[in-house]
PDB file of all heavy atoms in Angstrom:
ATOM      1  N   ALA A   1      -3.009  -8.823  18.925  1.00  0.00           N
ATOM      2  CA  ALA A   1      -1.933  -9.060  17.908  1.00  0.00           C
ATOM      3  C   ALA A   1      -1.973  -7.899  16.938  1.00  0.00           C
ATOM      4  O   ALA A   1      -0.881  -7.378  16.535  1.00  0.00           O
ATOM      5  CB  ALA A   1      -2.068 -10.413  17.346  1.00  0.00           C
ATOM      6  N   LEU A   2      -3.226  -7.585  16.470  1.00  0.00           N
ATOM      7  CA  LEU A   2      -3.223  -6.450  15.543  1.00  0.00           C
ATOM      8  C   LEU A   2      -2.939  -5.142  16.066  1.00  0.00           C
ATOM      9  O   LEU A   2      -2.333  -4.377  15.194  1.00  0.00           O
ATOM     10  CB  LEU A   2      -4.746  -6.552  14.977  1.00  0.00           C
ATOM     11  CG  LEU A   2      -5.166  -7.739  14.166  1.00  0.00           C
ATOM     12  CD1 LEU A   2      -6.555  -7.726  13.747  1.00  0.00           C
ATOM     13  CD2 LEU A   2      -4.213  -7.942  12.864  1.00  0.00           C
ATOM     14  N   ALA A   3      -3.130  -4.856  17.257  1.00  0.00           N
ATOM     15  CA  ALA A   3      -2.898  -3.746  17.906  1.00  0.00           C
ATOM     16  C   ALA A   3      -1.441  -3.541  18.009  1.00  0.00           C
ATOM     17  O   ALA A   3      -0.687  -2.509  17.812  1.00  0.00           O
ATOM     18  CB  ALA A   3      -3.397  -3.657  19.307  1.00  0.00           C
ATOM     19  N   ASP A   4      -0.613  -4.712  18.240  1.00  0.00           N
ATOM     20  CA  ASP A   4       0.786  -4.707  18.298  1.00  0.00           C
ATOM     21  C   ASP A   4       1.423  -4.369  16.901  1.00  0.00           C
ATOM     22  O   ASP A   4       2.593  -3.970  16.878  1.00  0.00           O
ATOM     23  CB  ASP A   4       1.214  -6.006  18.724  1.00  0.00           C
ATOM     24  CG  ASP A   4       1.004  -6.381  20.337  1.00  0.00           C
ATOM     25  OD1 ASP A   4       0.545  -5.387  20.904  1.00  0.00           O
ATOM     26  OD2 ASP A   4       1.017  -7.446  20.694  1.00  0.00           O
ATOM     27  N   LEU A   5       0.691  -4.795  15.987  1.00  0.00           N
ATOM     28  CA  LEU A   5       1.228  -4.616  14.479  1.00  0.00           C
ATOM     29  C   LEU A   5       0.951  -3.218  13.964  1.00  0.00           C
ATOM     30  O   LEU A   5       1.514  -2.833  13.037  1.00  0.00           O
ATOM     31  CB  LEU A   5       0.494  -5.602  13.631  1.00  0.00           C
ATOM     32  CG  LEU A   5       1.156  -7.068  13.432  1.00  0.00           C
ATOM     33  CD1 LEU A   5       0.373  -7.847  12.447  1.00  0.00           C
ATOM     34  CD2 LEU A   5       2.605  -6.883  12.963  1.00  0.00           C
ATOM     35  N   ALA A   6      -0.154  -2.545  14.570  1.00  0.00           N
ATOM     36  CA  ALA A   6      -0.484  -1.203  13.967  1.00  0.00           C
ATOM     37  C   ALA A   6       0.526  -0.288  13.654  1.00  0.00           C
ATOM     38  O   ALA A   6       0.554   0.398  12.591  1.00  0.00           O
ATOM     39  CB  ALA A   6      -1.711  -0.716  14.881  1.00  0.00           C
ATOM     40  N   PRO A   7       1.577   0.009  14.546  1.00  0.00           N
ATOM     41  CA  PRO A   7       2.652   0.909  14.427  1.00  0.00           C
ATOM     42  C   PRO A   7       3.384   0.650  13.147  1.00  0.00           C
ATOM     43  O   PRO A   7       3.928   1.556  12.534  1.00  0.00           O
ATOM     44  CB  PRO A   7       3.393   0.900  15.669  1.00  0.00           C
ATOM     45  CG  PRO A   7       2.568   0.318  16.658  1.00  0.00           C
ATOM     46  CD  PRO A   7       1.674  -0.634  15.927  1.00  0.00           C
ATOM     47  N   SER A   8       3.535  -0.623  12.764  1.00  0.00           N
ATOM     48  CA  SER A   8       4.271  -0.799  11.476  1.00  0.00           C
ATOM     49  C   SER A   8       3.573  -0.918  10.249  1.00  0.00           C
ATOM     50  O   SER A   8       4.076  -1.204   9.222  1.00  0.00           O
ATOM     51  CB  SER A   8       4.996  -2.179  11.678  1.00  0.00           C
ATOM     52  OG  SER A   8       4.067  -3.371  11.702  1.00  0.00           O
ATOM     53  N   GLU A   9       2.187  -0.679  10.272  1.00  0.00           N
ATOM     54  CA  GLU A   9       1.314  -0.794   9.107  1.00  0.00           C
ATOM     55  C   GLU A   9       1.843   0.065   7.904  1.00  0.00           C
ATOM     56  O   GLU A   9       1.888  -0.304   6.702  1.00  0.00           O
ATOM     57  CB  GLU A   9      -0.064  -0.468   9.417  1.00  0.00           C
ATOM     58  CG  GLU A   9      -0.953  -0.603   8.245  1.00  0.00           C
ATOM     59  CD  GLU A   9      -2.054  -1.512   8.492  1.00  0.00           C
ATOM     60  OE1 GLU A   9      -2.116  -2.309   9.346  1.00  0.00           O
ATOM     61  OE2 GLU A   9      -3.036  -1.347   7.666  1.00  0.00           O
ATOM     62  N   LEU A  10       2.256   1.358   8.258  1.00  0.00           N
ATOM     63  CA  LEU A  10       2.600   2.231   7.095  1.00  0.00           C
ATOM     64  C   LEU A  10       3.823   1.701   6.524  1.00  0.00           C
ATOM     65  O   LEU A  10       3.990   1.657   5.227  1.00  0.00           O
ATOM     66  CB  LEU A  10       2.817   3.729   7.604  1.00  0.00           C
ATOM     67  CG  LEU A  10       3.279   4.743   6.696  1.00  0.00           C
ATOM     68  CD1 LEU A  10       2.331   4.816   5.398  1.00  0.00           C
ATOM     69  CD2 LEU A  10       3.466   5.978   7.256  1.00  0.00           C
ATOM     70  N   ALA A  11       4.924   1.321   7.260  1.00  0.00           N
ATOM     71  CA  ALA A  11       6.016   0.827   6.736  1.00  0.00           C
ATOM     72  C   ALA A  11       5.892  -0.419   5.925  1.00  0.00           C
ATOM     73  O   ALA A  11       6.533  -0.608   4.846  1.00  0.00           O
ATOM     74  CB  ALA A  11       7.065   0.527   7.907  1.00  0.00           C
ATOM     75  N   ARG A  12       5.054  -1.342   6.381  1.00  0.00           N
ATOM     76  CA  ARG A  12       4.730  -2.617   5.722  1.00  0.00           C
ATOM     77  C   ARG A  12       4.047  -2.280   4.369  1.00  0.00           C
ATOM     78  O   ARG A  12       4.350  -2.922   3.292  1.00  0.00           O
ATOM     79  CB  ARG A  12       3.934  -3.429   6.541  1.00  0.00           C
ATOM     80  CG  ARG A  12       4.664  -4.078   7.792  1.00  0.00           C
ATOM     81  CD  ARG A  12       3.854  -5.147   8.497  1.00  0.00           C
ATOM     82  NE  ARG A  12       2.411  -5.229   8.269  1.00  0.00           N
ATOM     83  CZ  ARG A  12       1.475  -4.808   9.048  1.00  0.00           C
ATOM     84  NH1 ARG A  12       1.747  -4.170  10.299  1.00  0.00           N
ATOM     85  NH2 ARG A  12       0.242  -5.010   8.801  1.00  0.00           N
ATOM     86  N   ALA A  13       3.054  -1.370   4.240  1.00  0.00           N
ATOM     87  CA  ALA A  13       2.472  -0.907   3.200  1.00  0.00           C
ATOM     88  C   ALA A  13       3.361  -0.501   2.079  1.00  0.00           C
ATOM     89  O   ALA A  13       3.340  -0.661   0.918  1.00  0.00           O
ATOM     90  CB  ALA A  13       1.342   0.041   3.378  1.00  0.00           C
ATOM     91  N   ARG A  14       4.403   0.507   2.631  1.00  0.00           N
ATOM     92  CA  ARG A  14       5.390   1.026   1.684  1.00  0.00           C
ATOM     93  C   ARG A  14       6.173  -0.031   0.978  1.00  0.00           C
ATOM     94  O   ARG A  14       6.417  -0.001  -0.158  1.00  0.00           O
ATOM     95  CB  ARG A  14       6.320   2.088   2.531  1.00  0.00           C
ATOM     96  CG  ARG A  14       5.620   3.353   2.560  1.00  0.00           C
ATOM     97  CD  ARG A  14       6.697   4.395   3.146  1.00  0.00           C
ATOM     98  NE  ARG A  14       5.999   5.593   3.345  1.00  0.00           N
ATOM     99  CZ  ARG A  14       6.147   6.294   4.459  1.00  0.00           C
ATOM    100  NH1 ARG A  14       6.675   5.795   5.568  1.00  0.00           N
ATOM    101  NH2 ARG A  14       5.456   7.379   4.533  1.00  0.00           N
ATOM    102  N   GLU A  15       6.544  -1.047   1.920  1.00  0.00           N
ATOM    103  CA  GLU A  15       7.334  -2.177   1.384  1.00  0.00           C
ATOM    104  C   GLU A  15       6.601  -2.943   0.342  1.00  0.00           C
ATOM    105  O   GLU A  15       7.131  -3.380  -0.763  1.00  0.00           O
ATOM    106  CB  GLU A  15       7.810  -3.061   2.491  1.00  0.00           C
ATOM    107  CG  GLU A  15       8.950  -4.016   2.160  1.00  0.00           C
ATOM    108  CD  GLU A  15       9.436  -4.733   3.407  1.00  0.00           C
ATOM    109  OE1 GLU A  15       9.654  -4.137   4.347  1.00  0.00           O
ATOM    110  OE2 GLU A  15       9.601  -5.966   3.288  1.00  0.00           O
ATOM    111  N   VAL A  16       5.368  -3.361   0.600  1.00  0.00           N
ATOM    112  CA  VAL A  16       4.593  -4.107  -0.358  1.00  0.00           C
ATOM    113  C   VAL A  16       4.386  -3.283  -1.644  1.00  0.00           C
ATOM    114  O   VAL A  16       4.462  -3.909  -2.603  1.00  0.00           O
ATOM    115  CB  VAL A  16       3.131  -4.434   0.241  1.00  0.00           C
ATOM    116  CG1 VAL A  16       2.161  -4.931  -0.751  1.00  0.00           C
ATOM    117  CG2 VAL A  16       3.277  -5.462   1.451  1.00  0.00           C
ATOM    118  N   TRP A  17       4.115  -2.033  -1.554  1.00  0.00           N
ATOM    119  CA  TRP A  17       3.898  -1.109  -2.691  1.00  0.00           C
ATOM    120  C   TRP A  17       5.263  -1.073  -3.450  1.00  0.00           C
ATOM    121  O   TRP A  17       5.270  -1.358  -4.704  1.00  0.00           O
ATOM    122  CB  TRP A  17       3.560   0.231  -2.266  1.00  0.00           C
ATOM    123  CG  TRP A  17       3.471   1.235  -3.486  1.00  0.00           C
ATOM    124  CD1 TRP A  17       2.480   1.400  -4.386  1.00  0.00           C
ATOM    125  CD2 TRP A  17       4.575   2.038  -3.874  1.00  0.00           C
ATOM    126  NE1 TRP A  17       2.791   2.278  -5.301  1.00  0.00           N
ATOM    127  CE2 TRP A  17       4.121   2.632  -5.023  1.00  0.00           C
ATOM    128  CE3 TRP A  17       5.836   2.285  -3.415  1.00  0.00           C
ATOM    129  CZ2 TRP A  17       4.964   3.645  -5.768  1.00  0.00           C
ATOM    130  CZ3 TRP A  17       6.572   3.134  -4.125  1.00  0.00           C
ATOM    131  CH2 TRP A  17       6.232   3.791  -5.436  1.00  0.00           C
ATOM    132  N   GLN A  18       6.356  -0.864  -2.822  1.00  0.00           N
ATOM    133  CA  GLN A  18       7.656  -0.793  -3.505  1.00  0.00           C
ATOM    134  C   GLN A  18       7.988  -2.142  -4.294  1.00  0.00           C
ATOM    135  O   GLN A  18       8.440  -2.011  -5.389  1.00  0.00           O
ATOM    136  CB  GLN A  18       8.811  -0.575  -2.380  1.00  0.00           C
ATOM    137  CG  GLN A  18      10.222  -0.371  -3.089  1.00  0.00           C
ATOM    138  CD  GLN A  18      10.258   1.001  -3.795  1.00  0.00           C
ATOM    139  OE1 GLN A  18       9.555   2.060  -3.392  1.00  0.00           O
ATOM    140  NE2 GLN A  18      10.919   1.071  -4.867  1.00  0.00           N
ATOM    141  N   LYS A  19       7.747  -3.283  -3.710  1.00  0.00           N
ATOM    142  CA  LYS A  19       7.908  -4.514  -4.403  1.00  0.00           C
ATOM    143  C   LYS A  19       7.230  -4.685  -5.634  1.00  0.00           C
ATOM    144  O   LYS A  19       7.501  -5.165  -6.643  1.00  0.00           O
ATOM    145  CB  LYS A  19       7.635  -5.695  -3.425  1.00  0.00           C
ATOM    146  CG  LYS A  19       8.705  -6.049  -2.404  1.00  0.00           C
ATOM    147  CD  LYS A  19       8.364  -7.358  -1.654  1.00  0.00           C
ATOM    148  CE  LYS A  19       9.434  -7.688  -0.588  1.00  0.00           C
ATOM    149  NZ  LYS A  19       8.978  -8.795   0.113  1.00  0.00           N
ATOM    150  N   LYS A  20       5.896  -4.219  -5.587  1.00  0.00           N
ATOM    151  CA  LYS A  20       4.913  -4.429  -6.650  1.00  0.00           C
ATOM    152  C   LYS A  20       5.166  -3.420  -7.793  1.00  0.00           C
ATOM    153  O   LYS A  20       5.165  -3.659  -8.968  1.00  0.00           O
ATOM    154  CB  LYS A  20       3.574  -4.329  -6.091  1.00  0.00           C
ATOM    155  CG  LYS A  20       2.512  -4.316  -7.072  1.00  0.00           C
ATOM    156  CD  LYS A  20       2.278  -5.676  -7.737  1.00  0.00           C
ATOM    157  CE  LYS A  20       0.966  -5.702  -8.602  1.00  0.00           C
ATOM    158  NZ  LYS A  20       0.810  -6.963  -9.269  1.00  0.00           N
ATOM    159  N   TYR A  21       5.329  -2.257  -7.348  1.00  0.00           N
ATOM    160  CA  TYR A  21       5.417  -1.140  -8.396  1.00  0.00           C
ATOM    161  C   TYR A  21       6.672  -0.382  -8.456  1.00  0.00           C
ATOM    162  O   TYR A  21       7.268  -0.183  -9.568  1.00  0.00           O
ATOM    163  CB  TYR A  21       4.389  -0.006  -8.106  1.00  0.00           C
ATOM    164  CG  TYR A  21       2.947  -0.614  -8.344  1.00  0.00           C
ATOM    165  CD1 TYR A  21       2.135  -0.877  -7.131  1.00  0.00           C
ATOM    166  CD2 TYR A  21       2.499  -0.885  -9.499  1.00  0.00           C
ATOM    167  CE1 TYR A  21       0.851  -1.418  -7.274  1.00  0.00           C
ATOM    168  CE2 TYR A  21       1.178  -1.424  -9.727  1.00  0.00           C
ATOM    169  CZ  TYR A  21       0.318  -1.776  -8.621  1.00  0.00           C
ATOM    170  OH  TYR A  21      -0.931  -2.264  -8.659  1.00  0.00           O
ATOM    171  N   GLY A  22       7.270   0.017  -7.335  1.00  0.00           N
ATOM    172  CA  GLY A  22       8.591   0.709  -7.343  1.00  0.00           C
ATOM    173  C   GLY A  22       8.672   2.063  -7.892  1.00  0.00           C
ATOM    174  O   GLY A  22       9.275   3.022  -7.256  1.00  0.00           O
ATOM    175  N   ASN A  23       7.846   2.474  -8.857  1.00  0.00           N
ATOM    176  CA  ASN A  23       7.805   3.728  -9.495  1.00  0.00           C
ATOM    177  C   ASN A  23       6.436   4.400  -9.093  1.00  0.00           C
ATOM    178  O   ASN A  23       5.384   3.736  -9.145  1.00  0.00           O
ATOM    179  CB  ASN A  23       7.960   3.596 -11.080  1.00  0.00           C
ATOM    180  CG  ASN A  23       9.274   3.146 -11.393  1.00  0.00           C
ATOM    181  OD1 ASN A  23      10.339   3.527 -10.821  1.00  0.00           O
ATOM    182  ND2 ASN A  23       9.293   2.289 -12.418  1.00  0.00           N
ATOM    183  N   PRO A  24       6.457   5.781  -8.997  1.00  0.00           N
ATOM    184  CA  PRO A  24       5.370   6.438  -8.521  1.00  0.00           C
ATOM    185  C   PRO A  24       4.291   6.502  -9.797  1.00  0.00           C
ATOM    186  O   PRO A  24       4.634   6.376 -10.943  1.00  0.00           O
ATOM    187  CB  PRO A  24       5.826   7.894  -8.330  1.00  0.00           C
ATOM    188  CG  PRO A  24       7.221   7.767  -8.141  1.00  0.00           C
ATOM    189  CD  PRO A  24       7.700   6.571  -8.861  1.00  0.00           C
ATOM    190  N   PRO A  25       3.026   6.436  -9.401  1.00  0.00           N
ATOM    191  CA  PRO A  25       1.952   6.440 -10.432  1.00  0.00           C
ATOM    192  C   PRO A  25       2.068   7.798 -11.228  1.00  0.00           C
ATOM    193  O   PRO A  25       2.292   8.821 -10.633  1.00  0.00           O
ATOM    194  CB  PRO A  25       0.623   6.467  -9.581  1.00  0.00           C
ATOM    195  CG  PRO A  25       1.033   6.832  -8.230  1.00  0.00           C
ATOM    196  CD  PRO A  25       2.476   6.507  -8.047  1.00  0.00           C
ATOM    197  N   GLN A  26       1.960   7.738 -12.589  1.00  0.00           N
ATOM    198  CA  GLN A  26       1.995   8.929 -13.315  1.00  0.00           C
ATOM    199  C   GLN A  26       0.742   9.498 -13.737  1.00  0.00           C
ATOM    200  O   GLN A  26       0.556  10.763 -13.920  1.00  0.00           O
ATOM    201  CB  GLN A  26       2.724   8.554 -14.631  1.00  0.00           C
ATOM    202  CG  GLN A  26       4.097   7.880 -14.481  1.00  0.00           C
ATOM    203  CD  GLN A  26       5.076   8.769 -13.805  1.00  0.00           C
ATOM    204  OE1 GLN A  26       5.110  10.014 -14.104  1.00  0.00           O
ATOM    205  NE2 GLN A  26       5.787   8.274 -12.818  1.00  0.00           N
ATOM    206  N   THR A  27      -0.378   8.606 -13.647  1.00  0.00           N
ATOM    207  CA  THR A  27      -1.670   9.126 -14.025  1.00  0.00           C
ATOM    208  C   THR A  27      -2.625   8.894 -12.947  1.00  0.00           C
ATOM    209  O   THR A  27      -2.440   8.071 -12.049  1.00  0.00           O
ATOM    210  CB  THR A  27      -2.188   8.454 -15.229  1.00  0.00           C
ATOM    211  OG1 THR A  27      -2.453   7.085 -15.097  1.00  0.00           O
ATOM    212  CG2 THR A  27      -1.247   8.561 -16.430  1.00  0.00           C
ATOM    213  N   PRO A  28      -3.874   9.556 -12.932  1.00  0.00           N
ATOM    214  CA  PRO A  28      -4.844   9.286 -11.973  1.00  0.00           C
ATOM    215  C   PRO A  28      -5.298   7.838 -12.027  1.00  0.00           C
ATOM    216  O   PRO A  28      -5.502   7.235 -10.970  1.00  0.00           O
ATOM    217  CB  PRO A  28      -6.020  10.240 -12.251  1.00  0.00           C
ATOM    218  CG  PRO A  28      -5.296  11.289 -12.982  1.00  0.00           C
ATOM    219  CD  PRO A  28      -4.268  10.783 -13.709  1.00  0.00           C
ATOM    220  N   GLU A  29      -5.358   7.217 -13.200  1.00  0.00           N
ATOM    221  CA  GLU A  29      -5.680   5.832 -13.360  1.00  0.00           C
ATOM    222  C   GLU A  29      -4.796   4.970 -12.573  1.00  0.00           C
ATOM    223  O   GLU A  29      -4.993   4.069 -11.888  1.00  0.00           O
ATOM    224  CB  GLU A  29      -5.762   5.358 -14.839  1.00  0.00           C
ATOM    225  CG  GLU A  29      -6.987   6.010 -15.533  1.00  0.00           C
ATOM    226  CD  GLU A  29      -6.635   7.452 -15.907  1.00  0.00           C
ATOM    227  OE1 GLU A  29      -5.531   7.998 -15.913  1.00  0.00           O
ATOM    228  OE2 GLU A  29      -7.626   8.202 -16.318  1.00  0.00           O
ATOM    229  N   GLU A  30      -3.462   5.202 -12.761  1.00  0.00           N
ATOM    230  CA  GLU A  30      -2.309   4.398 -12.023  1.00  0.00           C
ATOM    231  C   GLU A  30      -2.476   4.642 -10.559  1.00  0.00           C
ATOM    232  O   GLU A  30      -2.264   3.673  -9.842  1.00  0.00           O
ATOM    233  CB  GLU A  30      -0.982   4.792 -12.599  1.00  0.00           C
ATOM    234  CG  GLU A  30      -0.565   4.236 -13.885  1.00  0.00           C
ATOM    235  CD  GLU A  30       0.849   4.553 -14.384  1.00  0.00           C
ATOM    236  OE1 GLU A  30       1.607   5.265 -13.398  1.00  0.00           O
ATOM    237  OE2 GLU A  30       1.232   4.281 -15.396  1.00  0.00           O
ATOM    238  N   ARG A  31      -2.757   5.892 -10.065  1.00  0.00           N
ATOM    239  CA  ARG A  31      -2.883   6.006  -8.629  1.00  0.00           C
ATOM    240  C   ARG A  31      -3.980   5.181  -8.108  1.00  0.00           C
ATOM    241  O   ARG A  31      -3.814   4.576  -7.015  1.00  0.00           O
ATOM    242  CB  ARG A  31      -3.120   7.591  -8.323  1.00  0.00           C
ATOM    243  CG  ARG A  31      -1.906   8.419  -8.527  1.00  0.00           C
ATOM    244  CD  ARG A  31      -2.272   9.844  -8.202  1.00  0.00           C
ATOM    245  NE  ARG A  31      -2.484   9.977  -6.759  1.00  0.00           N
ATOM    246  CZ  ARG A  31      -2.506  11.058  -6.107  1.00  0.00           C
ATOM    247  NH1 ARG A  31      -2.124  12.159  -6.721  1.00  0.00           N
ATOM    248  NH2 ARG A  31      -2.668  11.134  -4.853  1.00  0.00           N
ATOM    249  N   ALA A  32      -5.087   5.113  -8.784  1.00  0.00           N
ATOM    250  CA  ALA A  32      -6.226   4.324  -8.437  1.00  0.00           C
ATOM    251  C   ALA A  32      -5.984   2.869  -8.352  1.00  0.00           C
ATOM    252  O   ALA A  32      -6.247   2.128  -7.535  1.00  0.00           O
ATOM    253  CB  ALA A  32      -7.541   4.576  -9.361  1.00  0.00           C
ATOM    254  N   LYS A  33      -5.083   2.460  -9.478  1.00  0.00           N
ATOM    255  CA  LYS A  33      -4.611   1.059  -9.557  1.00  0.00           C
ATOM    256  C   LYS A  33      -3.834   0.696  -8.215  1.00  0.00           C
ATOM    257  O   LYS A  33      -3.840  -0.399  -7.661  1.00  0.00           O
ATOM    258  CB  LYS A  33      -4.087   0.785 -10.769  1.00  0.00           C
ATOM    259  CG  LYS A  33      -3.522  -0.609 -10.966  1.00  0.00           C
ATOM    260  CD  LYS A  33      -2.826  -0.853 -12.429  1.00  0.00           C
ATOM    261  CE  LYS A  33      -2.232  -2.211 -12.484  1.00  0.00           C
ATOM    262  NZ  LYS A  33      -1.623  -2.412 -13.861  1.00  0.00           N
ATOM    263  N   HIS A  34      -2.848   1.586  -8.022  1.00  0.00           N
ATOM    264  CA  HIS A  34      -1.931   1.340  -6.921  1.00  0.00           C
ATOM    265  C   HIS A  34      -2.735   1.318  -5.460  1.00  0.00           C
ATOM    266  O   HIS A  34      -2.490   0.418  -4.609  1.00  0.00           O
ATOM    267  CB  HIS A  34      -0.978   2.387  -6.775  1.00  0.00           C
ATOM    268  CG  HIS A  34       0.153   2.390  -7.879  1.00  0.00           C
ATOM    269  ND1 HIS A  34       1.351   2.934  -7.697  1.00  0.00           N
ATOM    270  CD2 HIS A  34      -0.047   1.863  -9.121  1.00  0.00           C
ATOM    271  CE1 HIS A  34       1.935   2.763  -8.863  1.00  0.00           C
ATOM    272  NE2 HIS A  34       1.187   2.161  -9.805  1.00  0.00           N
ATOM    273  N   ALA A  35      -3.663   2.207  -5.359  1.00  0.00           N
ATOM    274  CA  ALA A  35      -4.532   2.220  -4.125  1.00  0.00           C
ATOM    275  C   ALA A  35      -5.431   1.044  -4.028  1.00  0.00           C
ATOM    276  O   ALA A  35      -5.578   0.353  -2.961  1.00  0.00           O
ATOM    277  CB  ALA A  35      -5.433   3.499  -4.215  1.00  0.00           C
ATOM    278  N   ARG A  36      -5.976   0.545  -5.019  1.00  0.00           N
ATOM    279  CA  ARG A  36      -6.764  -0.648  -4.983  1.00  0.00           C
ATOM    280  C   ARG A  36      -5.927  -1.883  -4.691  1.00  0.00           C
ATOM    281  O   ARG A  36      -6.489  -2.783  -3.953  1.00  0.00           O
ATOM    282  CB  ARG A  36      -7.542  -0.928  -6.440  1.00  0.00           C
ATOM    283  CG  ARG A  36      -8.759  -0.108  -6.689  1.00  0.00           C
ATOM    284  CD  ARG A  36      -9.534  -0.652  -7.903  1.00  0.00           C
ATOM    285  NE  ARG A  36      -8.735  -0.732  -9.101  1.00  0.00           N
ATOM    286  CZ  ARG A  36      -8.428   0.099  -9.993  1.00  0.00           C
ATOM    287  NH1 ARG A  36      -8.946   1.405  -9.800  1.00  0.00           N
ATOM    288  NH2 ARG A  36      -7.680  -0.143 -11.057  1.00  0.00           N
ATOM    289  N   PHE A  37      -4.664  -1.887  -5.219  1.00  0.00           N
ATOM    290  CA  PHE A  37      -3.911  -3.072  -4.932  1.00  0.00           C
ATOM    291  C   PHE A  37      -3.599  -3.162  -3.280  1.00  0.00           C
ATOM    292  O   PHE A  37      -3.760  -4.169  -2.736  1.00  0.00           O
ATOM    293  CB  PHE A  37      -2.567  -2.869  -5.624  1.00  0.00           C
ATOM    294  CG  PHE A  37      -1.449  -3.837  -5.125  1.00  0.00           C
ATOM    295  CD1 PHE A  37      -1.491  -5.130  -5.409  1.00  0.00           C
ATOM    296  CD2 PHE A  37      -0.396  -3.379  -4.304  1.00  0.00           C
ATOM    297  CE1 PHE A  37      -0.387  -6.067  -4.882  1.00  0.00           C
ATOM    298  CE2 PHE A  37       0.603  -4.203  -3.867  1.00  0.00           C
ATOM    299  CZ  PHE A  37       0.389  -5.469  -4.121  1.00  0.00           C
ATOM    300  N   LEU A  38      -3.251  -1.921  -2.684  1.00  0.00           N
ATOM    301  CA  LEU A  38      -3.002  -1.853  -1.277  1.00  0.00           C
ATOM    302  C   LEU A  38      -4.249  -2.165  -0.405  1.00  0.00           C
ATOM    303  O   LEU A  38      -4.152  -2.795   0.610  1.00  0.00           O
ATOM    304  CB  LEU A  38      -2.402  -0.606  -0.960  1.00  0.00           C
ATOM    305  CG  LEU A  38      -0.929  -0.386  -1.520  1.00  0.00           C
ATOM    306  CD1 LEU A  38      -0.383   1.102  -1.189  1.00  0.00           C
ATOM    307  CD2 LEU A  38       0.064  -1.412  -0.800  1.00  0.00           C
ATOM    308  N   ILE A  39      -5.337  -1.684  -0.946  1.00  0.00           N
ATOM    309  CA  ILE A  39      -6.622  -1.919  -0.211  1.00  0.00           C
ATOM    310  C   ILE A  39      -6.926  -3.444  -0.220  1.00  0.00           C
ATOM    311  O   ILE A  39      -7.459  -3.925   0.847  1.00  0.00           O
ATOM    312  CB  ILE A  39      -7.790  -1.024  -0.742  1.00  0.00           C
ATOM    313  CG1 ILE A  39      -7.557   0.386  -0.314  1.00  0.00           C
ATOM    314  CG2 ILE A  39      -9.138  -1.497  -0.241  1.00  0.00           C
ATOM    315  CD1 ILE A  39      -8.463   1.395  -0.958  1.00  0.00           C
ATOM    316  N   ALA A  40      -6.794  -4.091  -1.258  1.00  0.00           N
ATOM    317  CA  ALA A  40      -7.127  -5.497  -1.526  1.00  0.00           C
ATOM    318  C   ALA A  40      -6.227  -6.334  -0.519  1.00  0.00           C
ATOM    319  O   ALA A  40      -6.549  -7.261  -0.091  1.00  0.00           O
ATOM    320  CB  ALA A  40      -6.907  -5.898  -2.824  1.00  0.00           C
ATOM    321  N   ARG A  41      -4.944  -5.750  -0.137  1.00  0.00           N
ATOM    322  CA  ARG A  41      -4.089  -6.474   0.667  1.00  0.00           C
ATOM    323  C   ARG A  41      -4.461  -6.188   2.113  1.00  0.00           C
ATOM    324  O   ARG A  41      -3.828  -6.671   3.089  1.00  0.00           O
ATOM    325  CB  ARG A  41      -2.540  -5.950   0.351  1.00  0.00           C
ATOM    326  CG  ARG A  41      -1.999  -6.440  -0.772  1.00  0.00           C
ATOM    327  CD  ARG A  41      -1.733  -7.957  -0.751  1.00  0.00           C
ATOM    328  NE  ARG A  41      -1.163  -8.415  -1.973  1.00  0.00           N
ATOM    329  CZ  ARG A  41       0.066  -8.674  -2.097  1.00  0.00           C
ATOM    330  NH1 ARG A  41       0.937  -8.443  -1.089  1.00  0.00           N
ATOM    331  NH2 ARG A  41       0.609  -9.183  -3.267  1.00  0.00           N
ATOM    332  N   GLY A  42      -5.442  -5.318   2.430  1.00  0.00           N
ATOM    333  CA  GLY A  42      -5.914  -5.169   3.832  1.00  0.00           C
ATOM    334  C   GLY A  42      -5.371  -3.890   4.412  1.00  0.00           C
ATOM    335  O   GLY A  42      -5.613  -3.725   5.684  1.00  0.00           O
ATOM    336  N   PHE A  43      -4.725  -3.016   3.677  1.00  0.00           N
ATOM    337  CA  PHE A  43      -4.321  -1.831   4.347  1.00  0.00           C
ATOM    338  C   PHE A  43      -5.324  -0.834   4.488  1.00  0.00           C
ATOM    339  O   PHE A  43      -6.176  -0.693   3.610  1.00  0.00           O
ATOM    340  CB  PHE A  43      -3.065  -1.252   3.698  1.00  0.00           C
ATOM    341  CG  PHE A  43      -1.837  -2.108   3.646  1.00  0.00           C
ATOM    342  CD1 PHE A  43      -1.487  -2.923   2.619  1.00  0.00           C
ATOM    343  CD2 PHE A  43      -1.102  -2.240   4.864  1.00  0.00           C
ATOM    344  CE1 PHE A  43      -0.422  -3.804   2.676  1.00  0.00           C
ATOM    345  CE2 PHE A  43       0.021  -3.103   4.970  1.00  0.00           C
ATOM    346  CZ  PHE A  43       0.362  -3.922   3.781  1.00  0.00           C
ATOM    347  N   SER A  44      -5.438   0.030   5.542  1.00  0.00           N
ATOM    348  CA  SER A  44      -6.350   0.989   5.834  1.00  0.00           C
ATOM    349  C   SER A  44      -6.331   2.090   4.665  1.00  0.00           C
ATOM    350  O   SER A  44      -5.213   2.321   4.137  1.00  0.00           O
ATOM    351  CB  SER A  44      -6.293   1.697   7.104  1.00  0.00           C
ATOM    352  OG  SER A  44      -5.083   2.534   7.273  1.00  0.00           O
ATOM    353  N   GLY A  45      -7.455   2.677   4.529  1.00  0.00           N
ATOM    354  CA  GLY A  45      -7.567   3.816   3.475  1.00  0.00           C
ATOM    355  C   GLY A  45      -6.432   4.877   3.830  1.00  0.00           C
ATOM    356  O   GLY A  45      -6.009   5.430   2.839  1.00  0.00           O
TER     357      GLY A  45
END
C-alpha cells in the first residue's frame, strides 16, 4: 500500500504545506519550522 502511494508523496506534501502555510518561508528559522512540520507529518527528508 505504501509503495502504491509513493509516487504521490511529493504532491501530497505540497498540498499539506500549502494548506498550512501558503507563503514561502522568509527566514532560515521559518524554513526550519516548515520542514519540521512536514517531517512530523511523516514525509521523507
